[in-house]
Amino acid sequence: MNYGLFMMPSHPPERSIYDAHQWDLDYLVLADELGYDEAWIGEHFTSPWEPIPSPDIMIAQALMRTKRIKLAPGAHLLPFHHPAELAHRVAYLDHIAQGRFMFGVGASGLPTDWAMFDVDGANNQHREMMEESLEIILKIWENKGPFEYKGKFWNVEVPDTMYGTLKFFLTPFQQPHPPIGVASLSYKSPSLIMAGEKGFIPLTLAFNPDFIRSHWEAVEEGAQRSGKTPSRKDWRLCRDVYVADTDQEARDAAVNGMTGRVWRDYLLPLFREFDLMPIFKHDPEVPDDAVNIDYLADHMWLVGSPETVANKIRTLYNDVGGFGYIITMVFDQLENQEGWEKSTRLLAEDVIPRLADLVPE
């Protein structure tokens, strides 16, 4: 079982941008020291609870302070970037990372982000834009000479050499490109169908088992289209995790700390507005208003002692048919920094070793 982090990055709205950024960098250093395999760093533009619009800036700084952990945007929201410009930025960062970079991509799910960039997400334009952008980026990286691309959303031309020296040259360090991960939040996600078809890494926000299983079904459906054989070893599942010496201590810290606050004040109200409450329920008969912080702690979060959390991960693994990475949701825990750092250590040193026998195909 591999393990990593998903940093939205999430911070309370009263935290300054500078302090939030420094907290994230310091936490990445700790994760690196503890042997975490990877960290995915999100990108949003219109959420005060997710105030980092440039994960590549954070990654560039974190590379200078860490030694082994792999870092990735999780994800660059492709509808909001010109693909030719992003292809160059990503390739450049891949050279700086020297093999410690992955390229996470997504279509975006916030209507306010869509509005800011004039993207018609309600009619799936964001998904179309993501697929076209990724096609352009990969074609640029192939570096097979001049070409012209006339798309629905972007026109791109890679010119022939001009004036003797001016030409396209910046391909990625990792060949043919860095590993590509695809994030998604929808049931049987079309984005993950595309990931399966292309052989990309699937990233799942892990809610109830039926929702999670639908994501692997999407990957397999896409893989059948192209004749690929996806491996569950590549599948990343992201869940809230809090580990303490006892079950009660872990529950109290999660429910009454920043994990509880983020879900209470930001995430649950947002999911309610998006009519996504069914993805949380262990039983479809559970009323929407019963899905509260205590419900999440009981049925969704991986909280407890090291033994309890290991057992919960094992149960999740068996319920969905196996996965290769457990990815921990990271919230700014400055008000209980000592407890959160202890949780981070316990997961690495006491929980993950208990799961060494879990090796998916």
Protein backbone atom coordinates (compact mmCIF):
# COMPACT_ATOMS: atom_id res chain seq x y z
CA MET A 1 0.00 0.00 0.00
CA ASN A 2 1.45 3.33 -1.08
CA TYR A 3 0.39 6.55 0.59
CA GLY A 4 0.28 10.21 -0.22
CA LEU A 5 -1.50 13.54 0.24
CA PHE A 6 -4.15 15.61 -1.45
CA MET A 7 -3.77 19.27 -0.55
CA MET A 8 -6.71 21.24 -1.96
CA PRO A 9 -4.92 23.27 -0.52
CA SER A 10 -7.52 24.10 2.11
CA HIS A 11 -7.19 26.93 4.60
CA PRO A 12 -9.70 28.86 6.71
CA PRO A 13 -10.65 32.11 4.98
CA GLU A 14 -9.10 34.19 7.75
CA ARG A 15 -5.62 32.73 7.10
CA SER A 16 -3.39 35.04 5.07
CA ILE A 17 -2.25 33.79 1.67
CA TYR A 18 1.39 34.00 2.80
CA ASP A 19 0.82 32.05 6.01
CA ALA A 20 -1.26 29.45 4.17
CA HIS A 21 1.48 28.96 1.60
CA GLN A 22 4.17 28.58 4.25
CA TRP A 23 2.06 26.06 6.17
CA ASP A 24 1.68 23.96 3.02
CA LEU A 25 5.40 24.03 2.29
CA ASP A 26 6.32 23.06 5.85
CA TYR A 27 3.84 20.20 5.76
CA LEU A 28 5.26 18.89 2.48
CA VAL A 29 8.69 18.83 4.11
CA LEU A 30 7.31 16.74 6.99
CA ALA A 31 5.61 14.32 4.60
CA ASP A 32 8.84 13.95 2.65
CA GLU A 33 10.77 13.17 5.83
CA LEU A 34 8.19 10.54 6.81
CA GLY A 35 8.37 8.72 3.48
CA TYR A 36 5.09 9.75 1.88
CA ASP A 37 5.18 8.77 -1.78
CA GLU A 38 3.47 11.76 -3.36
CA ALA A 39 1.44 14.92 -2.91
CA TRP A 40 -1.25 16.28 -5.24
CA ILE A 41 -1.83 20.03 -4.97
CA GLY A 42 -5.11 21.52 -6.15
CA GLU A 43 -5.97 24.57 -8.20
CA HIS A 44 -9.03 26.82 -7.88
CA PHE A 45 -9.76 30.45 -8.58
CA THR A 46 -12.97 31.42 -6.79
CA SER A 47 -13.01 29.56 -3.45
CA PRO A 48 -11.70 31.36 -0.34
CA TRP A 49 -11.45 27.93 1.33
CA GLU A 50 -9.10 26.73 -1.46
CA PRO A 51 -7.00 29.84 -1.99
CA ILE A 52 -4.11 28.58 -4.12
CA PRO A 53 -4.57 29.24 -7.87
CA SER A 54 -1.01 28.21 -8.86
CA PRO A 55 0.03 24.73 -7.67
CA ASP A 56 3.10 24.84 -9.90
CA ILE A 57 4.50 27.76 -7.90
CA MET A 58 4.15 25.75 -4.70
CA ILE A 59 5.63 22.66 -6.37
CA ALA A 60 8.66 24.61 -7.61
CA GLN A 61 9.36 25.87 -4.09
CA ALA A 62 8.68 22.50 -2.47
CA LEU A 63 11.12 20.77 -4.82
CA MET A 64 13.88 22.89 -3.31
CA ARG A 65 12.97 21.85 0.23
CA THR A 66 12.24 18.14 -0.25
CA LYS A 67 14.33 15.18 -1.39
CA ARG A 68 12.19 12.25 -2.53
CA ILE A 69 8.44 12.90 -2.48
CA LYS A 70 6.79 13.19 -5.91
CA LEU A 71 4.74 16.32 -6.47
CA ALA A 72 1.86 17.02 -8.83
CA PRO A 73 -0.79 19.60 -9.56
CA GLY A 74 -3.98 17.90 -8.54
CA ALA A 75 -5.10 19.18 -10.84
CA HIS A 76 -4.39 21.84 -13.42
CA LEU A 77 -7.86 22.77 -14.67
CA LEU A 78 -7.32 22.56 -18.39
CA PRO A 79 -10.26 24.71 -19.58
CA PHE A 80 -8.62 27.71 -17.91
CA HIS A 81 -5.18 27.48 -19.55
CA HIS A 82 -4.00 27.87 -23.10
CA PRO A 83 -2.64 24.38 -23.91
CA ALA A 84 0.49 25.62 -25.71
CA GLU A 85 1.46 27.80 -22.74
CA LEU A 86 0.72 25.05 -20.19
CA ALA A 87 2.67 22.48 -22.22
CA HIS A 88 5.76 24.67 -21.84
CA ARG A 89 5.26 25.39 -18.14
CA VAL A 90 4.73 21.72 -17.31
CA ALA A 91 7.70 20.58 -19.38
CA TYR A 92 9.91 23.17 -17.70
CA LEU A 93 8.79 22.10 -14.22
CA ASP A 94 9.37 18.47 -15.15
CA HIS A 95 13.02 19.30 -15.85
CA ILE A 96 13.35 21.07 -12.51
CA ALA A 97 11.83 18.06 -10.71
CA GLN A 98 14.16 15.50 -12.35
CA GLY A 99 11.65 12.64 -12.16
CA ARG A 100 9.68 13.83 -9.11
CA PHE A 101 6.82 15.40 -11.06
CA MET A 102 3.43 14.10 -12.18
CA PHE A 103 0.92 16.02 -14.28
CA GLY A 104 -2.55 16.06 -12.77
CA VAL A 105 -5.37 17.32 -14.99
CA GLY A 106 -9.04 18.04 -14.41
CA ALA A 107 -12.06 19.63 -16.04
CA SER A 108 -13.09 21.84 -13.07
CA GLY A 109 -16.23 21.52 -10.96
CA LEU A 110 -16.90 24.97 -9.51
CA PRO A 111 -19.55 27.03 -11.32
CA THR A 112 -17.87 30.24 -10.17
CA ASP A 113 -14.64 29.17 -11.88
CA TRP A 114 -16.64 28.41 -15.03
CA ALA A 115 -18.24 31.84 -14.86
CA MET A 116 -14.94 33.66 -14.41
CA PHE A 117 -13.49 32.03 -17.53
CA ASP A 118 -16.75 32.01 -19.52
CA VAL A 119 -16.94 28.21 -19.69
CA ASP A 120 -20.33 26.53 -20.09
CA GLY A 121 -19.86 23.79 -17.53
CA ALA A 122 -23.59 23.18 -17.23
CA ASN A 123 -23.52 21.74 -20.76
CA ASN A 124 -20.22 19.86 -20.34
CA GLN A 125 -18.11 22.33 -22.27
CA HIS A 126 -15.46 22.00 -19.54
CA ARG A 127 -15.02 18.29 -20.29
CA GLU A 128 -14.75 18.91 -24.03
CA MET A 129 -12.15 21.61 -23.38
CA MET A 130 -10.13 19.31 -21.11
CA GLU A 131 -9.96 16.59 -23.74
CA GLU A 132 -9.04 18.99 -26.53
CA SER A 133 -6.41 20.71 -24.41
CA LEU A 134 -4.79 17.42 -23.41
CA GLU A 135 -4.74 16.28 -27.03
CA ILE A 136 -2.91 19.47 -28.02
CA ILE A 137 -0.43 19.24 -25.13
CA LEU A 138 0.48 15.65 -25.95
CA LYS A 139 0.83 16.46 -29.66
CA ILE A 140 3.18 19.34 -28.84
CA TRP A 141 5.29 17.08 -26.60
CA GLU A 142 5.58 14.46 -29.33
CA ASN A 143 7.84 16.98 -31.12
CA LYS A 144 7.43 15.42 -34.55
CA GLY A 145 7.95 18.65 -36.41
CA PRO A 146 5.75 21.55 -37.40
CA PHE A 147 2.00 21.11 -37.23
CA GLU A 148 -1.16 23.15 -37.15
CA TYR A 149 -4.12 22.28 -34.95
CA LYS A 150 -7.53 23.78 -35.60
CA GLY A 151 -9.76 22.92 -32.68
CA LYS A 152 -13.16 23.82 -31.35
CA PHE A 153 -11.66 25.89 -28.52
CA TRP A 154 -8.02 26.52 -29.42
CA ASN A 155 -5.93 26.92 -32.54
CA VAL A 156 -2.25 26.07 -32.16
CA GLU A 157 0.65 26.13 -34.58
CA VAL A 158 4.11 24.73 -33.93
CA PRO A 159 6.14 26.52 -36.61
CA ASP A 160 9.11 25.30 -38.54
CA THR A 161 12.53 26.75 -37.68
CA MET A 162 12.65 30.48 -38.37
CA TYR A 163 15.63 32.83 -38.74
CA GLY A 164 17.98 29.90 -38.30
CA THR A 165 17.54 29.47 -34.54
CA LEU A 166 13.93 30.05 -33.45
CA LYS A 167 11.98 26.82 -33.00
CA PHE A 168 10.02 24.68 -30.57
CA PHE A 169 12.40 22.78 -28.29
CA LEU A 170 11.03 22.32 -24.75
CA THR A 171 9.85 18.72 -24.38
CA PRO A 172 9.45 17.13 -20.91
CA PHE A 173 12.31 15.60 -18.92
CA GLN A 174 10.37 12.35 -18.54
CA GLN A 175 9.69 10.70 -21.86
CA PRO A 176 7.34 10.62 -23.59
CA HIS A 177 5.85 12.78 -20.81
CA PRO A 178 5.43 12.80 -17.02
CA PRO A 179 2.82 10.43 -15.56
CA ILE A 180 -0.62 11.94 -16.07
CA GLY A 181 -3.31 11.72 -13.41
CA VAL A 182 -7.00 12.49 -13.97
CA ALA A 183 -9.15 13.74 -11.11
CA SER A 184 -12.93 13.46 -11.05
CA LEU A 185 -15.92 13.87 -8.78
CA SER A 186 -18.87 12.55 -10.80
CA TYR A 187 -20.49 9.11 -10.72
CA LYS A 188 -18.94 6.81 -13.36
CA SER A 189 -16.92 9.79 -14.45
CA PRO A 190 -16.50 10.54 -18.17
CA SER A 191 -13.06 11.92 -17.29
CA LEU A 192 -12.06 8.53 -15.89
CA ILE A 193 -13.38 6.78 -18.99
CA MET A 194 -10.91 8.95 -20.87
CA ALA A 195 -8.19 8.09 -18.31
CA GLY A 196 -8.78 4.39 -18.85
CA GLU A 197 -8.69 4.79 -22.62
CA LYS A 198 -5.41 6.71 -22.52
CA GLY A 199 -3.74 4.72 -19.72
CA PHE A 200 -3.61 7.65 -17.29
CA ILE A 201 -3.64 7.48 -13.47
CA PRO A 202 -7.18 7.53 -12.01
CA LEU A 203 -7.73 9.75 -8.96
CA THR A 204 -10.92 9.13 -6.96
CA LEU A 205 -12.39 11.17 -4.15
CA ALA A 206 -13.54 8.15 -2.19
CA PHE A 207 -17.10 8.47 -0.93
CA ASN A 208 -19.43 5.49 -0.59
CA PRO A 209 -18.33 2.13 -2.07
CA ASP A 210 -20.89 2.21 -4.89
CA PHE A 211 -19.61 5.61 -6.03
CA ILE A 212 -16.00 4.38 -5.82
CA ARG A 213 -16.71 1.19 -7.74
CA SER A 214 -18.35 3.25 -10.48
CA HIS A 215 -15.02 5.01 -10.99
CA TRP A 216 -13.17 1.76 -11.63
CA GLU A 217 -15.99 0.69 -13.97
CA ALA A 218 -15.37 3.94 -15.87
CA VAL A 219 -11.64 3.20 -16.09
CA GLU A 220 -12.31 -0.31 -17.38
CA GLU A 221 -14.84 0.95 -19.92
CA GLY A 222 -12.29 3.37 -21.30
CA ALA A 223 -9.55 0.76 -21.35
CA GLN A 224 -11.74 -1.59 -23.40
CA ARG A 225 -12.00 1.08 -26.10
CA SER A 226 -8.23 1.14 -26.61
CA GLY A 227 -7.29 -2.41 -25.66
CA LYS A 228 -5.35 -1.35 -22.57
CA THR A 229 -5.19 -3.33 -19.33
CA PRO A 230 -5.53 -0.99 -16.36
CA SER A 231 -3.90 -1.91 -13.06
CA ARG A 232 -5.47 -1.20 -9.70
CA LYS A 233 -1.94 -0.53 -8.44
CA ASP A 234 -2.20 2.86 -10.15
CA TRP A 235 -5.58 3.76 -8.63
CA ARG A 236 -5.47 6.52 -6.00
CA LEU A 237 -8.29 6.79 -3.45
CA CYS A 238 -8.54 9.98 -1.42
CA ARG A 239 -10.17 10.03 2.03
CA ASP A 240 -10.10 12.04 5.23
CA VAL A 241 -7.71 10.38 7.68
CA TYR A 242 -6.99 11.22 11.32
CA VAL A 243 -4.94 8.90 13.55
CA ALA A 244 -4.35 9.23 17.28
CA ASP A 245 -3.49 6.91 20.16
CA THR A 246 -7.16 6.05 20.78
CA ASP A 247 -10.34 6.03 18.73
CA GLN A 248 -11.96 8.68 20.93
CA GLU A 249 -8.97 11.02 20.74
CA ALA A 250 -8.90 10.77 16.95
CA ARG A 251 -12.65 11.34 16.61
CA ASP A 252 -12.60 14.36 18.92
CA ALA A 253 -9.69 15.92 17.02
CA ALA A 254 -11.31 15.36 13.64
CA VAL A 255 -14.88 16.34 14.50
CA ASN A 256 -13.99 19.35 16.66
CA GLY A 257 -10.94 20.45 14.70
CA MET A 258 -10.33 21.77 11.19
CA THR A 259 -11.52 18.60 9.45
CA GLY A 260 -14.94 19.07 11.01
CA ARG A 261 -14.95 22.79 10.38
CA VAL A 262 -14.12 22.50 6.67
CA TRP A 263 -16.82 19.91 6.12
CA ARG A 264 -19.37 21.78 8.25
CA ASP A 265 -18.77 25.29 6.90
CA TYR A 266 -17.69 24.63 3.32
CA LEU A 267 -17.81 21.17 1.80
CA LEU A 268 -21.13 19.75 3.01
CA PRO A 269 -23.08 22.93 2.13
CA LEU A 270 -21.44 22.88 -1.31
CA PHE A 271 -22.27 19.23 -1.93
CA ARG A 272 -25.87 19.90 -0.87
CA GLU A 273 -26.12 22.74 -3.38
CA PHE A 274 -24.78 20.42 -6.08
CA ASP A 275 -27.32 17.67 -5.17
CA LEU A 276 -24.52 15.22 -4.45
CA MET A 277 -25.59 13.97 -1.02
CA PRO A 278 -26.26 10.39 -2.24
CA ILE A 279 -22.54 9.75 -2.76
CA PHE A 280 -21.99 9.93 1.02
CA LYS A 281 -24.68 7.49 2.12
CA HIS A 282 -23.93 3.92 3.19
CA ASP A 283 -27.66 3.28 2.66
CA PRO A 284 -29.72 5.22 0.08
CA GLU A 285 -32.62 5.41 2.57
CA VAL A 286 -30.60 7.70 4.84
CA PRO A 287 -32.20 11.19 4.73
CA ASP A 288 -30.05 14.02 3.37
CA ASP A 289 -30.25 15.98 6.60
CA ALA A 290 -28.83 13.01 8.52
CA VAL A 291 -25.55 13.37 6.64
CA ASN A 292 -23.73 15.63 9.08
CA ILE A 293 -20.28 15.73 10.65
CA ASP A 294 -21.01 12.86 13.03
CA TYR A 295 -22.33 10.78 10.13
CA LEU A 296 -19.16 11.41 8.14
CA ALA A 297 -17.00 10.48 11.14
CA ASP A 298 -18.94 7.23 11.56
CA HIS A 299 -19.30 6.17 7.94
CA MET A 300 -16.80 8.01 5.76
CA TRP A 301 -13.69 9.28 7.51
CA LEU A 302 -10.81 6.98 8.38
CA VAL A 303 -10.38 8.09 11.99
CA GLY A 304 -9.20 6.17 15.03
CA SER A 305 -6.22 4.44 16.55
CA PRO A 306 -3.60 2.96 14.21
CA GLU A 307 -5.29 -0.45 14.44
CA THR A 308 -8.73 1.00 13.75
CA VAL A 309 -7.59 3.09 10.79
CA ALA A 310 -5.69 0.14 9.30
CA ASN A 311 -8.82 -1.99 9.61
CA LYS A 312 -10.95 0.71 7.99
CA ILE A 313 -8.54 1.00 5.05
CA ARG A 314 -8.53 -2.77 4.69
CA THR A 315 -12.34 -2.84 4.67
CA LEU A 316 -12.44 -0.10 2.04
CA TYR A 317 -9.88 -1.99 -0.04
CA ASN A 318 -11.98 -5.16 0.05
CA ASP A 319 -15.27 -3.31 -0.58
CA VAL A 320 -14.06 -1.74 -3.83
CA GLY A 321 -11.85 -4.55 -5.12
CA GLY A 322 -8.43 -3.12 -4.31
CA PHE A 323 -6.41 0.03 -4.97
CA GLY A 324 -2.74 0.99 -4.86
CA TYR A 325 -2.62 4.31 -2.98
CA ILE A 326 -4.44 5.77 0.00
CA ILE A 327 -4.32 9.56 -0.34
CA THR A 328 -5.00 11.65 2.75
CA MET A 329 -7.03 14.84 2.56
CA VAL A 330 -5.02 17.69 4.08
CA PHE A 331 -6.62 20.66 5.84
CA ASP A 332 -4.78 23.50 7.56
CA GLN A 333 -4.54 22.19 11.15
CA LEU A 334 -2.56 25.08 12.62
CA GLU A 335 -4.79 25.24 15.70
CA ASN A 336 -3.86 21.62 16.53
CA GLN A 337 -0.52 21.32 14.79
CA GLU A 338 0.96 18.86 17.26
CA GLY A 339 -1.97 16.46 16.96
CA TRP A 340 -2.02 16.67 13.15
CA GLU A 341 1.70 16.05 12.82
CA LYS A 342 1.31 13.06 15.14
CA SER A 343 -1.50 11.76 12.93
CA THR A 344 0.77 12.17 9.89
CA ARG A 345 3.52 10.19 11.61
CA LEU A 346 1.22 7.44 12.88
CA LEU A 347 -0.20 6.86 9.41
CA ALA A 348 3.29 6.44 7.97
CA GLU A 349 4.88 4.49 10.81
CA ASP A 350 2.05 2.47 12.37
CA VAL A 351 -0.85 2.20 9.93
CA ILE A 352 0.71 1.62 6.51
CA PRO A 353 3.05 -1.18 7.73
CA ARG A 354 -0.05 -3.11 8.84
CA LEU A 355 -1.27 -3.13 5.22
CA ALA A 356 1.85 -4.48 3.55
CA ASP A 357 -0.04 -7.55 2.33
CA LEU A 358 -2.46 -5.48 0.23
CA VAL A 359 -1.05 -5.71 -3.30
CA PRO A 360 -3.69 -5.23 -6.02
CA GLU A 361 -3.36 -6.51 -9.56
